[in-house]
Amino acid sequence: MEIRIETGGQWPDAVAALLRDLPEWFGIEESVRAYIEAARTLPSAAALAGDDVVGVCLLRRHTDVAAEIELLAVRRDLHRGGIGRRLVERVESDLAADGVRLLQVKSRGPSAESAEYARTRAFYGACGFLPLEERTDIWGPENPCLIMVKPIA
Protein backbone atom coordinates (compact mmCIF):
# COMPACT_ATOMS: atom_id res chain seq x y z
CA MET A 1 0.00 0.00 0.00
CA GLU A 2 1.45 3.34 -1.02
CA ILE A 3 1.21 6.00 1.67
CA ARG A 4 1.78 9.70 1.13
CA ILE A 5 2.05 12.36 3.81
CA GLU A 6 0.18 15.64 3.30
CA THR A 7 0.18 18.78 5.39
CA GLY A 8 -1.89 21.92 5.39
CA GLY A 9 -5.34 20.35 5.52
CA GLN A 10 -7.88 19.71 8.23
CA TRP A 11 -9.26 16.21 8.71
CA PRO A 12 -11.76 16.26 11.61
CA ASP A 13 -13.94 13.46 10.20
CA ALA A 14 -10.91 11.21 9.76
CA VAL A 15 -9.76 12.04 13.30
CA ALA A 16 -13.19 11.02 14.60
CA ALA A 17 -13.09 7.70 12.74
CA LEU A 18 -9.52 6.92 13.79
CA LEU A 19 -10.06 7.70 17.47
CA ARG A 20 -13.36 5.84 17.76
CA ASP A 21 -11.60 2.76 16.39
CA LEU A 22 -8.86 3.01 19.06
CA PRO A 23 -10.74 3.05 22.39
CA GLU A 24 -7.77 1.55 24.26
CA TRP A 25 -5.98 4.85 23.69
CA PHE A 26 -8.88 7.22 23.13
CA GLY A 27 -11.68 5.97 25.35
CA ILE A 28 -12.59 9.22 27.11
CA GLU A 29 -15.44 10.73 25.08
CA GLU A 30 -14.78 14.29 26.26
CA SER A 31 -11.18 14.01 25.04
CA VAL A 32 -12.23 12.48 21.73
CA ARG A 33 -14.62 15.38 21.10
CA ALA A 34 -11.87 17.87 22.00
CA TYR A 35 -9.43 16.22 19.55
CA ILE A 36 -12.05 16.28 16.79
CA GLU A 37 -12.68 19.96 17.41
CA ALA A 38 -8.94 20.68 17.53
CA ALA A 39 -8.56 18.93 14.16
CA ARG A 40 -10.65 21.73 12.63
CA THR A 41 -8.03 24.37 13.41
CA LEU A 42 -4.65 22.98 14.47
CA PRO A 43 -1.84 22.48 11.95
CA SER A 44 -1.77 18.85 10.95
CA ALA A 45 -0.27 16.15 8.80
CA ALA A 46 -2.14 13.19 7.41
CA ALA A 47 -1.06 9.85 6.02
CA LEU A 48 -3.17 8.95 3.02
CA ALA A 49 -3.65 5.70 1.14
CA GLY A 50 -5.39 6.92 -1.99
CA ASP A 51 -8.09 9.22 -0.64
CA ASP A 52 -8.33 7.44 2.73
CA VAL A 53 -6.74 9.08 5.76
CA VAL A 54 -5.01 6.26 7.63
CA GLY A 55 -3.07 8.39 10.11
CA VAL A 56 -3.06 11.91 11.45
CA CYS A 57 -0.84 14.15 13.56
CA LEU A 58 -2.08 17.39 15.13
CA LEU A 59 0.40 20.03 16.27
CA ARG A 60 0.24 22.85 18.77
CA ARG A 61 2.79 25.66 18.76
CA HIS A 62 3.62 26.98 22.22
CA THR A 63 6.37 29.48 21.36
CA ASP A 64 8.48 30.38 18.36
CA VAL A 65 10.87 27.54 19.24
CA ALA A 66 8.64 24.95 20.92
CA ALA A 67 5.76 22.81 19.66
CA GLU A 68 3.80 19.78 20.80
CA ILE A 69 2.34 16.74 19.12
CA GLU A 70 -1.23 17.15 20.33
CA LEU A 71 -2.40 13.91 18.73
CA LEU A 72 -0.95 11.06 16.72
CA ALA A 73 -3.22 8.25 15.58
CA VAL A 74 -2.82 5.53 12.96
CA ARG A 75 -5.43 3.07 11.78
CA ARG A 76 -5.24 -0.06 13.92
CA ASP A 77 -4.51 -2.55 11.12
CA LEU A 78 -1.55 -0.41 10.03
CA HIS A 79 0.15 -0.15 13.42
CA ARG A 80 3.87 -0.96 13.37
CA GLY A 81 4.10 -0.29 9.65
CA GLY A 82 6.11 2.92 9.84
CA ILE A 83 3.25 5.37 9.25
CA GLY A 84 3.47 6.98 12.69
CA ARG A 85 7.22 7.39 12.32
CA ARG A 86 6.77 8.98 8.87
CA LEU A 87 4.24 11.43 10.29
CA VAL A 88 6.56 12.37 13.15
CA GLU A 89 9.53 12.77 10.78
CA ARG A 90 7.50 15.01 8.46
CA VAL A 91 6.24 17.31 11.20
CA GLU A 92 9.72 17.49 12.74
CA SER A 93 11.19 18.50 9.38
CA ASP A 94 8.51 21.13 8.76
CA LEU A 95 8.79 22.51 12.30
CA ALA A 96 12.60 22.64 12.16
CA ALA A 97 12.40 24.57 8.88
CA ASP A 98 10.16 27.05 10.70
CA GLY A 99 12.65 27.55 13.55
CA VAL A 100 11.22 25.13 16.12
CA ARG A 101 13.95 23.56 18.22
CA LEU A 102 12.02 21.55 20.82
CA LEU A 103 9.14 19.13 20.30
CA GLN A 104 7.14 17.61 23.12
CA VAL A 105 4.47 14.97 23.42
CA LYS A 106 2.34 13.88 26.35
CA SER A 107 1.41 10.26 27.00
CA ARG A 108 -0.05 8.28 29.85
CA GLY A 109 2.73 7.80 32.37
CA PRO A 110 4.35 4.53 33.36
CA SER A 111 2.98 4.63 36.91
CA ALA A 112 -0.43 3.72 35.42
CA GLU A 113 0.00 0.24 34.02
CA SER A 114 -1.18 -0.07 30.43
CA ALA A 115 0.20 -2.31 27.70
CA GLU A 116 -1.10 0.10 25.05
CA TYR A 117 0.62 3.11 26.55
CA ALA A 118 3.81 1.14 27.15
CA ARG A 119 3.81 0.65 23.36
CA THR A 120 3.14 4.36 22.87
CA ARG A 121 6.05 5.35 25.11
CA ALA A 122 8.32 2.84 23.36
CA PHE A 123 7.31 4.29 19.98
CA TYR A 124 8.14 7.83 21.02
CA GLY A 125 11.38 6.65 22.61
CA ALA A 126 12.35 4.97 19.33
CA CYS A 127 11.61 8.30 17.60
CA GLY A 128 14.13 10.02 19.88
CA PHE A 129 11.84 11.49 22.55
CA LEU A 130 13.17 11.49 26.09
CA PRO A 131 11.01 11.26 29.22
CA LEU A 132 11.12 14.60 31.04
CA GLU A 133 8.69 14.12 33.93
CA GLU A 134 5.52 12.39 35.00
CA ARG A 135 2.83 14.63 36.47
CA THR A 136 -0.56 14.01 38.05
CA ASP A 137 -1.78 17.62 37.96
CA ILE A 138 -2.41 17.72 34.18
CA TRP A 139 -4.95 14.93 33.60
CA GLY A 140 -5.58 14.00 37.22
CA PRO A 141 -4.09 11.53 39.68
CA GLU A 142 -5.85 8.54 38.08
CA ASN A 143 -4.34 9.40 34.69
CA PRO A 144 -0.67 10.37 35.13
CA CYS A 145 0.85 12.35 32.28
CA LEU A 146 4.37 11.67 31.03
CA ILE A 147 5.91 14.63 29.22
CA MET A 148 8.47 13.57 26.62
CA VAL A 149 10.70 15.98 24.72
CA LYS A 150 12.97 15.91 21.70
CA PRO A 151 15.41 18.53 20.46
CA ILE A 152 14.99 19.12 16.73
CA ALA A 153 16.84 21.33 14.26
C-alpha atoms as a PDB file:
ATOM      1  CA  MET A   1       0.000   0.000   0.000  1.00  0.00           C
ATOM      2  CA  GLU A   2       1.449   3.342  -1.019  1.00  0.00           C
ATOM      3  CA  ILE A   3       1.207   6.003   1.674  1.00  0.00           C
ATOM      4  CA  ARG A   4       1.780   9.700   1.131  1.00  0.00           C
ATOM      5  CA  ILE A   5       2.049  12.360   3.813  1.00  0.00           C
ATOM      6  CA  GLU A   6       0.182  15.637   3.296  1.00  0.00           C
ATOM      7  CA  THR A   7       0.184  18.784   5.392  1.00  0.00           C
ATOM      8  CA  GLY A   8      -1.887  21.924   5.392  1.00  0.00           C
ATOM      9  CA  GLY A   9      -5.335  20.347   5.525  1.00  0.00           C
ATOM     10  CA  GLN A  10      -7.877  19.710   8.234  1.00  0.00           C
ATOM     11  CA  TRP A  11      -9.261  16.206   8.707  1.00  0.00           C
ATOM     12  CA  PRO A  12     -11.761  16.255  11.613  1.00  0.00           C
ATOM     13  CA  ASP A  13     -13.943  13.459  10.200  1.00  0.00           C
ATOM     14  CA  ALA A  14     -10.913  11.215   9.763  1.00  0.00           C
ATOM     15  CA  VAL A  15      -9.756  12.042  13.303  1.00  0.00           C
ATOM     16  CA  ALA A  16     -13.191  11.020  14.596  1.00  0.00           C
ATOM     17  CA  ALA A  17     -13.094   7.702  12.742  1.00  0.00           C
ATOM     18  CA  LEU A  18      -9.517   6.915  13.792  1.00  0.00           C
ATOM     19  CA  LEU A  19     -10.061   7.695  17.471  1.00  0.00           C
ATOM     20  CA  ARG A  20     -13.362   5.843  17.761  1.00  0.00           C
ATOM     21  CA  ASP A  21     -11.596   2.763  16.387  1.00  0.00           C
ATOM     22  CA  LEU A  22      -8.864   3.007  19.057  1.00  0.00           C
ATOM     23  CA  PRO A  23     -10.739   3.047  22.391  1.00  0.00           C
ATOM     24  CA  GLU A  24      -7.770   1.547  24.255  1.00  0.00           C
ATOM     25  CA  TRP A  25      -5.978   4.855  23.691  1.00  0.00           C
ATOM     26  CA  PHE A  26      -8.876   7.223  23.130  1.00  0.00           C
ATOM     27  CA  GLY A  27     -11.685   5.970  25.350  1.00  0.00           C
ATOM     28  CA  ILE A  28     -12.590   9.221  27.110  1.00  0.00           C
ATOM     29  CA  GLU A  29     -15.437  10.731  25.082  1.00  0.00           C
ATOM     30  CA  GLU A  30     -14.782  14.288  26.257  1.00  0.00           C
ATOM     31  CA  SER A  31     -11.181  14.012  25.044  1.00  0.00           C
ATOM     32  CA  VAL A  32     -12.231  12.482  21.730  1.00  0.00           C
ATOM     33  CA  ARG A  33     -14.615  15.376  21.098  1.00  0.00           C
ATOM     34  CA  ALA A  34     -11.867  17.873  22.004  1.00  0.00           C
ATOM     35  CA  TYR A  35      -9.434  16.218  19.552  1.00  0.00           C
ATOM     36  CA  ILE A  36     -12.054  16.275  16.788  1.00  0.00           C
ATOM     37  CA  GLU A  37     -12.684  19.964  17.410  1.00  0.00           C
ATOM     38  CA  ALA A  38      -8.935  20.679  17.530  1.00  0.00           C
ATOM     39  CA  ALA A  39      -8.558  18.931  14.159  1.00  0.00           C
ATOM     40  CA  ARG A  40     -10.652  21.728  12.625  1.00  0.00           C
ATOM     41  CA  THR A  41      -8.029  24.375  13.405  1.00  0.00           C
ATOM     42  CA  LEU A  42      -4.650  22.976  14.471  1.00  0.00           C
ATOM     43  CA  PRO A  43      -1.844  22.481  11.950  1.00  0.00           C
ATOM     44  CA  SER A  44      -1.767  18.853  10.948  1.00  0.00           C
ATOM     45  CA  ALA A  45      -0.273  16.151   8.804  1.00  0.00           C
ATOM     46  CA  ALA A  46      -2.142  13.187   7.408  1.00  0.00           C
ATOM     47  CA  ALA A  47      -1.057   9.848   6.025  1.00  0.00           C
ATOM     48  CA  LEU A  48      -3.172   8.946   3.018  1.00  0.00           C
ATOM     49  CA  ALA A  49      -3.653   5.701   1.140  1.00  0.00           C
ATOM     50  CA  GLY A  50      -5.385   6.922  -1.988  1.00  0.00           C
ATOM     51  CA  ASP A  51      -8.095   9.224  -0.639  1.00  0.00           C
ATOM     52  CA  ASP A  52      -8.329   7.443   2.731  1.00  0.00           C
ATOM     53  CA  VAL A  53      -6.744   9.082   5.764  1.00  0.00           C
ATOM     54  CA  VAL A  54      -5.006   6.261   7.630  1.00  0.00           C
ATOM     55  CA  GLY A  55      -3.071   8.392  10.112  1.00  0.00           C
ATOM     56  CA  VAL A  56      -3.060  11.915  11.448  1.00  0.00           C
ATOM     57  CA  CYS A  57      -0.842  14.146  13.564  1.00  0.00           C
ATOM     58  CA  LEU A  58      -2.078  17.394  15.134  1.00  0.00           C
ATOM     59  CA  LEU A  59       0.397  20.031  16.269  1.00  0.00           C
ATOM     60  CA  ARG A  60       0.239  22.851  18.769  1.00  0.00           C
ATOM     61  CA  ARG A  61       2.795  25.665  18.760  1.00  0.00           C
ATOM     62  CA  HIS A  62       3.618  26.975  22.220  1.00  0.00           C
ATOM     63  CA  THR A  63       6.368  29.485  21.358  1.00  0.00           C
ATOM     64  CA  ASP A  64       8.481  30.380  18.356  1.00  0.00           C
ATOM     65  CA  VAL A  65      10.870  27.538  19.242  1.00  0.00           C
ATOM     66  CA  ALA A  66       8.637  24.949  20.925  1.00  0.00           C
ATOM     67  CA  ALA A  67       5.755  22.811  19.656  1.00  0.00           C
ATOM     68  CA  GLU A  68       3.800  19.779  20.795  1.00  0.00           C
ATOM     69  CA  ILE A  69       2.340  16.740  19.124  1.00  0.00           C
ATOM     70  CA  GLU A  70      -1.231  17.147  20.325  1.00  0.00           C
ATOM     71  CA  LEU A  71      -2.398  13.914  18.730  1.00  0.00           C
ATOM     72  CA  LEU A  72      -0.952  11.063  16.720  1.00  0.00           C
ATOM     73  CA  ALA A  73      -3.222   8.246  15.584  1.00  0.00           C
ATOM     74  CA  VAL A  74      -2.818   5.534  12.961  1.00  0.00           C
ATOM     75  CA  ARG A  75      -5.433   3.073  11.776  1.00  0.00           C
ATOM     76  CA  ARG A  76      -5.243  -0.060  13.916  1.00  0.00           C
ATOM     77  CA  ASP A  77      -4.505  -2.551  11.115  1.00  0.00           C
ATOM     78  CA  LEU A  78      -1.547  -0.412  10.026  1.00  0.00           C
ATOM     79  CA  HIS A  79       0.150  -0.149  13.422  1.00  0.00           C
ATOM     80  CA  ARG A  80       3.866  -0.962  13.369  1.00  0.00           C
ATOM     81  CA  GLY A  81       4.096  -0.288   9.651  1.00  0.00           C
ATOM     82  CA  GLY A  82       6.109   2.925   9.837  1.00  0.00           C
ATOM     83  CA  ILE A  83       3.249   5.368   9.248  1.00  0.00           C
ATOM     84  CA  GLY A  84       3.471   6.982  12.693  1.00  0.00           C
ATOM     85  CA  ARG A  85       7.221   7.387  12.321  1.00  0.00           C
ATOM     86  CA  ARG A  86       6.775   8.978   8.875  1.00  0.00           C
ATOM     87  CA  LEU A  87       4.237  11.429  10.288  1.00  0.00           C
ATOM     88  CA  VAL A  88       6.564  12.373  13.147  1.00  0.00           C
ATOM     89  CA  GLU A  89       9.531  12.774  10.779  1.00  0.00           C
ATOM     90  CA  ARG A  90       7.501  15.012   8.459  1.00  0.00           C
ATOM     91  CA  VAL A  91       6.239  17.306  11.199  1.00  0.00           C
ATOM     92  CA  GLU A  92       9.725  17.491  12.737  1.00  0.00           C
ATOM     93  CA  SER A  93      11.188  18.497   9.379  1.00  0.00           C
ATOM     94  CA  ASP A  94       8.507  21.128   8.762  1.00  0.00           C
ATOM     95  CA  LEU A  95       8.790  22.511  12.298  1.00  0.00           C
ATOM     96  CA  ALA A  96      12.598  22.643  12.160  1.00  0.00           C
ATOM     97  CA  ALA A  97      12.398  24.567   8.879  1.00  0.00           C
ATOM     98  CA  ASP A  98      10.159  27.052  10.699  1.00  0.00           C
ATOM     99  CA  GLY A  99      12.646  27.546  13.552  1.00  0.00           C
ATOM    100  CA  VAL A 100      11.222  25.133  16.120  1.00  0.00           C
ATOM    101  CA  ARG A 101      13.952  23.555  18.222  1.00  0.00           C
ATOM    102  CA  LEU A 102      12.022  21.548  20.816  1.00  0.00           C
ATOM    103  CA  LEU A 103       9.136  19.134  20.296  1.00  0.00           C
ATOM    104  CA  GLN A 104       7.144  17.605  23.118  1.00  0.00           C
ATOM    105  CA  VAL A 105       4.467  14.971  23.420  1.00  0.00           C
ATOM    106  CA  LYS A 106       2.340  13.876  26.353  1.00  0.00           C
ATOM    107  CA  SER A 107       1.414  10.262  27.005  1.00  0.00           C
ATOM    108  CA  ARG A 108      -0.047   8.278  29.849  1.00  0.00           C
ATOM    109  CA  GLY A 109       2.728   7.801  32.372  1.00  0.00           C
ATOM    110  CA  PRO A 110       4.354   4.525  33.360  1.00  0.00           C
ATOM    111  CA  SER A 111       2.976   4.633  36.911  1.00  0.00           C
ATOM    112  CA  ALA A 112      -0.431   3.717  35.420  1.00  0.00           C
ATOM    113  CA  GLU A 113      -0.002   0.243  34.015  1.00  0.00           C
ATOM    114  CA  SER A 114      -1.177  -0.071  30.425  1.00  0.00           C
ATOM    115  CA  ALA A 115       0.197  -2.315  27.701  1.00  0.00           C
ATOM    116  CA  GLU A 116      -1.099   0.102  25.049  1.00  0.00           C
ATOM    117  CA  TYR A 117       0.615   3.113  26.555  1.00  0.00           C
ATOM    118  CA  ALA A 118       3.807   1.142  27.155  1.00  0.00           C
ATOM    119  CA  ARG A 119       3.805   0.646  23.356  1.00  0.00           C
ATOM    120  CA  THR A 120       3.142   4.361  22.867  1.00  0.00           C
ATOM    121  CA  ARG A 121       6.046   5.354  25.111  1.00  0.00           C
ATOM    122  CA  ALA A 122       8.317   2.839  23.363  1.00  0.00           C
ATOM    123  CA  PHE A 123       7.306   4.290  19.984  1.00  0.00           C
ATOM    124  CA  TYR A 124       8.137   7.834  21.017  1.00  0.00           C
ATOM    125  CA  GLY A 125      11.385   6.651  22.606  1.00  0.00           C
ATOM    126  CA  ALA A 126      12.347   4.968  19.329  1.00  0.00           C
ATOM    127  CA  CYS A 127      11.612   8.300  17.596  1.00  0.00           C
ATOM    128  CA  GLY A 128      14.131  10.023  19.882  1.00  0.00           C
ATOM    129  CA  PHE A 129      11.841  11.494  22.547  1.00  0.00           C
ATOM    130  CA  LEU A 130      13.166  11.491  26.092  1.00  0.00           C
ATOM    131  CA  PRO A 131      11.012  11.259  29.224  1.00  0.00           C
ATOM    132  CA  LEU A 132      11.117  14.595  31.041  1.00  0.00           C
ATOM    133  CA  GLU A 133       8.687  14.121  33.929  1.00  0.00           C
ATOM    134  CA  GLU A 134       5.516  12.385  35.001  1.00  0.00           C
ATOM    135  CA  ARG A 135       2.827  14.628  36.468  1.00  0.00           C
ATOM    136  CA  THR A 136      -0.557  14.006  38.046  1.00  0.00           C
ATOM    137  CA  ASP A 137      -1.777  17.624  37.959  1.00  0.00           C
ATOM    138  CA  ILE A 138      -2.414  17.725  34.184  1.00  0.00           C
ATOM    139  CA  TRP A 139      -4.946  14.935  33.598  1.00  0.00           C
ATOM    140  CA  GLY A 140      -5.585  14.000  37.223  1.00  0.00           C
ATOM    141  CA  PRO A 141      -4.090  11.530  39.685  1.00  0.00           C
ATOM    142  CA  GLU A 142      -5.848   8.540  38.079  1.00  0.00           C
ATOM    143  CA  ASN A 143      -4.337   9.400  34.691  1.00  0.00           C
ATOM    144  CA  PRO A 144      -0.667  10.368  35.131  1.00  0.00           C
ATOM    145  CA  CYS A 145       0.852  12.348  32.278  1.00  0.00           C
ATOM    146  CA  LEU A 146       4.366  11.670  31.029  1.00  0.00           C
ATOM    147  CA  ILE A 147       5.914  14.625  29.221  1.00  0.00           C
ATOM    148  CA  MET A 148       8.468  13.568  26.624  1.00  0.00           C
ATOM    149  CA  VAL A 149      10.703  15.981  24.720  1.00  0.00           C
ATOM    150  CA  LYS A 150      12.969  15.909  21.697  1.00  0.00           C
ATOM    151  CA  PRO A 151      15.407  18.530  20.462  1.00  0.00           C
ATOM    152  CA  ILE A 152      14.994  19.123  16.726  1.00  0.00           C
ATOM    153  CA  ALA A 153      16.843  21.327  14.265  1.00  0.00           C
END
